[in-house]
Amino acid sequence: MKEKQHIGALKNLLRAFRTACHYGDGDMNELDSNYNITSSHVFNKIMLFVLLEIDAVLKSLLGLSGTLEKKSGGAPAIQKLPKWKKVEPFVKTYLGNALHVLNQMTDNQMIAFTLRRLKASVIFMSAFPRLARKYLKVGIAQNSNECFNTASLGVFRNLFYFCQL
C-alpha cells in the first residue's frame, strides 16, 4: 500500500483500524464491520501498522512531502489541496478512531507511543477544529500522567500552531 496509492486498500485498512480501536468496547455488534479482531496480537499488528504508516500514506495521497512542510514553515492549507475532498473522509476516520482508542487507553507507554505517532498527523487536525479541541482535552487530562513527556507536549504545541486554537 505504501508503494502504490490504492484507495480500496486504504479503505479496508481503516475499517480494520476502526474495529481495532473499538476492540473490547462491548458494543462490537454495532460497528457493522466485516472485520473481527480475534486476539491482542492482531490488535497490536493493526495498531502498530496504522500508527506507523498511515500518516505517510495520507500525505502521499495528497501529494505532500516532509520537505514541503519544513520549507513552508508549517502546514499548508490542507483543505485547499486539489485531492483533499477525496482524502478527507479517510483522514477524519483515522483521527476520530485514534482519539477514541486514546481515550480508552490506560497503559502509559501505549498512550505516550500513540501521542508521539499522532504528532506527525497534527497538520491534518487543522481541517477538523472540533477533533483538534478534543485532542487538546485529552492532552490536558494526560498532563497529570507520567506518560506526558516532551514528545507528547509537542503534539499539543503543534495543535495550537497549526489549528490556531
C-alpha atoms as a PDB file:
ATOM      1  CA  MET A   1       0.000   0.000   0.000  1.00  0.00           C
ATOM      2  CA  LYS A   2       2.906   2.362   0.666  1.00  0.00           C
ATOM      3  CA  GLU A   3       4.315   1.992  -2.841  1.00  0.00           C
ATOM      4  CA  LYS A   4       1.053   2.369  -4.759  1.00  0.00           C
ATOM      5  CA  GLN A   5      -1.896   4.516  -3.909  1.00  0.00           C
ATOM      6  CA  HIS A   6      -4.788   2.087  -3.612  1.00  0.00           C
ATOM      7  CA  ILE A   7      -7.866   3.760  -2.167  1.00  0.00           C
ATOM      8  CA  GLY A   8      -9.587   0.371  -1.728  1.00  0.00           C
ATOM      9  CA  ALA A   9      -6.716  -0.933   0.386  1.00  0.00           C
ATOM     10  CA  LEU A  10      -6.745   2.250   2.467  1.00  0.00           C
ATOM     11  CA  LYS A  11     -10.481   1.927   3.000  1.00  0.00           C
ATOM     12  CA  ASN A  12     -10.081  -1.675   4.183  1.00  0.00           C
ATOM     13  CA  LEU A  13      -7.152  -0.787   6.419  1.00  0.00           C
ATOM     14  CA  LEU A  14      -9.124   1.989   8.084  1.00  0.00           C
ATOM     15  CA  ARG A  15     -12.077  -0.360   8.610  1.00  0.00           C
ATOM     16  CA  ALA A  16      -9.744  -2.807  10.340  1.00  0.00           C
ATOM     17  CA  PHE A  17      -8.274   0.091  12.347  1.00  0.00           C
ATOM     18  CA  ARG A  18     -11.750   1.169  13.419  1.00  0.00           C
ATOM     19  CA  THR A  19     -12.526  -2.357  14.553  1.00  0.00           C
ATOM     20  CA  ALA A  20      -9.223  -2.489  16.457  1.00  0.00           C
ATOM     21  CA  CYS A  21      -9.904   0.868  18.108  1.00  0.00           C
ATOM     22  CA  HIS A  22     -13.226  -0.468  19.361  1.00  0.00           C
ATOM     23  CA  TYR A  23     -11.745  -3.819  20.427  1.00  0.00           C
ATOM     24  CA  GLY A  24     -13.099  -4.627  23.852  1.00  0.00           C
ATOM     25  CA  ASP A  25     -15.711  -1.855  23.864  1.00  0.00           C
ATOM     26  CA  GLY A  26     -18.541  -4.306  24.398  1.00  0.00           C
ATOM     27  CA  ASP A  27     -20.630  -2.897  21.546  1.00  0.00           C
ATOM     28  CA  MET A  28     -18.774  -4.703  18.765  1.00  0.00           C
ATOM     29  CA  ASN A  29     -22.055  -5.737  17.095  1.00  0.00           C
ATOM     30  CA  GLU A  30     -22.932  -2.084  16.472  1.00  0.00           C
ATOM     31  CA  LEU A  31     -19.833  -1.471  14.336  1.00  0.00           C
ATOM     32  CA  ASP A  32     -21.223  -3.040  11.141  1.00  0.00           C
ATOM     33  CA  SER A  33     -17.769  -4.278  10.297  1.00  0.00           C
ATOM     34  CA  ASN A  34     -16.707  -7.288   8.295  1.00  0.00           C
ATOM     35  CA  TYR A  35     -13.621  -7.462  10.482  1.00  0.00           C
ATOM     36  CA  ASN A  36     -13.244  -9.326  13.718  1.00  0.00           C
ATOM     37  CA  ILE A  37     -10.236  -8.875  15.986  1.00  0.00           C
ATOM     38  CA  THR A  38      -9.557 -12.335  17.350  1.00  0.00           C
ATOM     39  CA  SER A  39      -6.632 -11.647  19.664  1.00  0.00           C
ATOM     40  CA  SER A  40      -4.490  -8.968  21.227  1.00  0.00           C
ATOM     41  CA  HIS A  41      -1.730  -9.941  18.764  1.00  0.00           C
ATOM     42  CA  VAL A  42      -3.952  -8.977  15.803  1.00  0.00           C
ATOM     43  CA  PHE A  43      -4.933  -5.781  17.614  1.00  0.00           C
ATOM     44  CA  ASN A  44      -1.265  -4.881  18.132  1.00  0.00           C
ATOM     45  CA  LYS A  45      -0.346  -5.579  14.494  1.00  0.00           C
ATOM     46  CA  ILE A  46      -3.135  -3.365  13.143  1.00  0.00           C
ATOM     47  CA  MET A  47      -2.475  -0.566  15.618  1.00  0.00           C
ATOM     48  CA  LEU A  48       1.281  -0.554  15.001  1.00  0.00           C
ATOM     49  CA  PHE A  49       0.976  -0.617  11.232  1.00  0.00           C
ATOM     50  CA  VAL A  50      -1.586   2.172  11.093  1.00  0.00           C
ATOM     51  CA  LEU A  51       0.104   4.395  13.666  1.00  0.00           C
ATOM     52  CA  LEU A  52       3.495   3.969  11.981  1.00  0.00           C
ATOM     53  CA  GLU A  53       2.438   4.193   8.331  1.00  0.00           C
ATOM     54  CA  ILE A  54      -0.894   5.946   7.797  1.00  0.00           C
ATOM     55  CA  ASP A  55       0.468   9.461   8.034  1.00  0.00           C
ATOM     56  CA  ALA A  56       2.864   8.896   5.137  1.00  0.00           C
ATOM     57  CA  VAL A  57       0.135   7.206   3.091  1.00  0.00           C
ATOM     58  CA  LEU A  58      -2.291  10.097   3.581  1.00  0.00           C
ATOM     59  CA  LYS A  59       0.361  12.699   2.821  1.00  0.00           C
ATOM     60  CA  SER A  60       1.349  10.776  -0.293  1.00  0.00           C
ATOM     61  CA  LEU A  61      -2.260  10.713  -1.483  1.00  0.00           C
ATOM     62  CA  LEU A  62      -2.383  14.484  -1.029  1.00  0.00           C
ATOM     63  CA  GLY A  63       0.946  14.988  -2.781  1.00  0.00           C
ATOM     64  CA  LEU A  64       2.658  16.320   0.358  1.00  0.00           C
ATOM     65  CA  SER A  65       6.187  15.590   1.450  1.00  0.00           C
ATOM     66  CA  GLY A  66       8.080  16.204   4.680  1.00  0.00           C
ATOM     67  CA  THR A  67      10.372  18.657   2.938  1.00  0.00           C
ATOM     68  CA  LEU A  68       7.419  20.723   1.738  1.00  0.00           C
ATOM     69  CA  GLU A  69       6.157  21.093   5.296  1.00  0.00           C
ATOM     70  CA  LYS A  70       9.591  22.103   6.591  1.00  0.00           C
ATOM     71  CA  LYS A  71      10.198  24.610   3.793  1.00  0.00           C
ATOM     72  CA  SER A  72       6.806  26.247   4.158  1.00  0.00           C
ATOM     73  CA  GLY A  73       7.329  26.700   7.891  1.00  0.00           C
ATOM     74  CA  GLY A  74       4.100  24.929   8.769  1.00  0.00           C
ATOM     75  CA  ALA A  75       1.116  23.138   7.427  1.00  0.00           C
ATOM     76  CA  PRO A  76      -0.108  24.103   4.000  1.00  0.00           C
ATOM     77  CA  ALA A  77      -3.790  24.937   3.727  1.00  0.00           C
ATOM     78  CA  ILE A  78      -4.818  21.288   3.702  1.00  0.00           C
ATOM     79  CA  GLN A  79      -8.392  21.960   2.644  1.00  0.00           C
ATOM     80  CA  LYS A  80      -7.241  23.847  -0.445  1.00  0.00           C
ATOM     81  CA  LEU A  81      -5.288  20.929  -1.859  1.00  0.00           C
ATOM     82  CA  PRO A  82      -6.860  19.522  -5.042  1.00  0.00           C
ATOM     83  CA  LYS A  83      -7.093  15.957  -3.700  1.00  0.00           C
ATOM     84  CA  TRP A  84      -8.412  16.941  -0.273  1.00  0.00           C
ATOM     85  CA  LYS A  85     -12.076  16.092  -0.912  1.00  0.00           C
ATOM     86  CA  LYS A  86     -11.071  12.566  -1.914  1.00  0.00           C
ATOM     87  CA  VAL A  87      -8.797  12.017   1.113  1.00  0.00           C
ATOM     88  CA  GLU A  88     -10.747  13.963   3.765  1.00  0.00           C
ATOM     89  CA  PRO A  89     -13.040  11.095   4.869  1.00  0.00           C
ATOM     90  CA  PHE A  90     -10.022   8.826   5.395  1.00  0.00           C
ATOM     91  CA  VAL A  91      -8.219  11.445   7.475  1.00  0.00           C
ATOM     92  CA  LYS A  92     -11.292  12.088   9.596  1.00  0.00           C
ATOM     93  CA  THR A  93     -11.845   8.354  10.134  1.00  0.00           C
ATOM     94  CA  TYR A  94      -8.225   7.884  11.193  1.00  0.00           C
ATOM     95  CA  LEU A  95      -8.169  10.849  13.575  1.00  0.00           C
ATOM     96  CA  GLY A  96     -11.573  10.056  15.079  1.00  0.00           C
ATOM     97  CA  ASN A  97     -10.755   6.431  15.767  1.00  0.00           C
ATOM     98  CA  ALA A  98      -7.286   7.266  17.087  1.00  0.00           C
ATOM     99  CA  LEU A  99      -8.936   9.702  19.504  1.00  0.00           C
ATOM    100  CA  HIS A 100     -11.393   7.018  20.600  1.00  0.00           C
ATOM    101  CA  VAL A 101      -8.684   4.485  21.350  1.00  0.00           C
ATOM    102  CA  LEU A 102      -6.558   7.128  23.064  1.00  0.00           C
ATOM    103  CA  ASN A 103      -9.465   7.877  25.404  1.00  0.00           C
ATOM    104  CA  GLN A 104      -9.786   4.159  26.194  1.00  0.00           C
ATOM    105  CA  MET A 105      -6.092   3.511  26.880  1.00  0.00           C
ATOM    106  CA  THR A 106      -4.842   3.084  30.420  1.00  0.00           C
ATOM    107  CA  ASP A 107      -1.258   1.978  29.788  1.00  0.00           C
ATOM    108  CA  ASN A 108       1.060   4.991  29.962  1.00  0.00           C
ATOM    109  CA  GLN A 109       3.533   3.569  27.437  1.00  0.00           C
ATOM    110  CA  MET A 110       0.764   2.969  24.897  1.00  0.00           C
ATOM    111  CA  ILE A 111      -0.585   6.472  25.428  1.00  0.00           C
ATOM    112  CA  ALA A 112       2.867   8.002  25.008  1.00  0.00           C
ATOM    113  CA  PHE A 113       3.572   5.974  21.842  1.00  0.00           C
ATOM    114  CA  THR A 114       0.203   6.897  20.320  1.00  0.00           C
ATOM    115  CA  LEU A 115       0.707  10.583  21.091  1.00  0.00           C
ATOM    116  CA  ARG A 116       4.200  10.526  19.549  1.00  0.00           C
ATOM    117  CA  ARG A 117       2.838   8.928  16.387  1.00  0.00           C
ATOM    118  CA  LEU A 118      -0.064  11.394  16.216  1.00  0.00           C
ATOM    119  CA  LYS A 119       2.388  14.283  16.226  1.00  0.00           C
ATOM    120  CA  ALA A 120       3.042  13.616  12.531  1.00  0.00           C
ATOM    121  CA  SER A 121      -0.693  13.949  11.817  1.00  0.00           C
ATOM    122  CA  VAL A 122      -1.261  17.272  13.544  1.00  0.00           C
ATOM    123  CA  ILE A 123      -1.285  19.131  10.223  1.00  0.00           C
ATOM    124  CA  PHE A 124      -4.491  17.268   9.331  1.00  0.00           C
ATOM    125  CA  MET A 125      -6.218  18.419  12.504  1.00  0.00           C
ATOM    126  CA  SER A 126      -6.439  21.990  11.229  1.00  0.00           C
ATOM    127  CA  ALA A 127      -9.219  20.740   8.930  1.00  0.00           C
ATOM    128  CA  PHE A 128     -11.179  19.421  11.918  1.00  0.00           C
ATOM    129  CA  PRO A 129     -11.231  22.035  14.690  1.00  0.00           C
ATOM    130  CA  ARG A 130     -13.731  20.062  16.757  1.00  0.00           C
ATOM    131  CA  LEU A 131     -11.480  16.989  16.761  1.00  0.00           C
ATOM    132  CA  ALA A 132      -8.459  19.182  17.483  1.00  0.00           C
ATOM    133  CA  ARG A 133     -10.164  20.565  20.592  1.00  0.00           C
ATOM    134  CA  LYS A 134     -10.963  17.012  21.729  1.00  0.00           C
ATOM    135  CA  TYR A 135      -7.310  16.040  21.298  1.00  0.00           C
ATOM    136  CA  LEU A 136      -6.355  19.075  23.336  1.00  0.00           C
ATOM    137  CA  LYS A 137      -8.684  17.929  26.131  1.00  0.00           C
ATOM    138  CA  VAL A 138      -7.006  14.511  26.090  1.00  0.00           C
ATOM    139  CA  GLY A 139      -3.652  16.270  26.368  1.00  0.00           C
ATOM    140  CA  ILE A 140      -4.771  18.290  29.338  1.00  0.00           C
ATOM    141  CA  ALA A 141      -6.160  15.165  31.012  1.00  0.00           C
ATOM    142  CA  GLN A 142      -2.905  13.278  30.346  1.00  0.00           C
ATOM    143  CA  ASN A 143      -0.820  16.156  31.698  1.00  0.00           C
ATOM    144  CA  SER A 144      -1.048  14.670  35.170  1.00  0.00           C
ATOM    145  CA  ASN A 145       0.115  11.228  33.988  1.00  0.00           C
ATOM    146  CA  GLU A 146       3.748  10.246  33.852  1.00  0.00           C
ATOM    147  CA  CYS A 147       3.354   9.414  30.143  1.00  0.00           C
ATOM    148  CA  PHE A 148       3.025  13.088  29.296  1.00  0.00           C
ATOM    149  CA  ASN A 149       6.554  13.937  28.269  1.00  0.00           C
ATOM    150  CA  THR A 150       8.291  16.382  25.966  1.00  0.00           C
ATOM    151  CA  ALA A 151       7.375  14.402  22.843  1.00  0.00           C
ATOM    152  CA  SER A 152       3.713  14.376  23.835  1.00  0.00           C
ATOM    153  CA  LEU A 153       3.843  18.059  24.619  1.00  0.00           C
ATOM    154  CA  GLY A 154       4.971  18.644  21.025  1.00  0.00           C
ATOM    155  CA  VAL A 155       1.670  17.270  19.753  1.00  0.00           C
ATOM    156  CA  PHE A 156      -0.294  19.851  21.665  1.00  0.00           C
ATOM    157  CA  ARG A 157       2.098  22.698  20.934  1.00  0.00           C
ATOM    158  CA  ASN A 158       1.648  21.898  17.249  1.00  0.00           C
ATOM    159  CA  LEU A 159      -2.127  21.785  17.707  1.00  0.00           C
ATOM    160  CA  PHE A 160      -2.060  25.396  18.841  1.00  0.00           C
ATOM    161  CA  TYR A 161       0.245  26.370  15.994  1.00  0.00           C
ATOM    162  CA  PHE A 162      -1.491  24.596  13.111  1.00  0.00           C
ATOM    163  CA  CYS A 163      -5.093  24.751  14.290  1.00  0.00           C
ATOM    164  CA  GLN A 164      -4.944  28.189  15.888  1.00  0.00           C
ATOM    165  CA  LEU A 165      -6.879  27.023  18.944  1.00  0.00           C
END
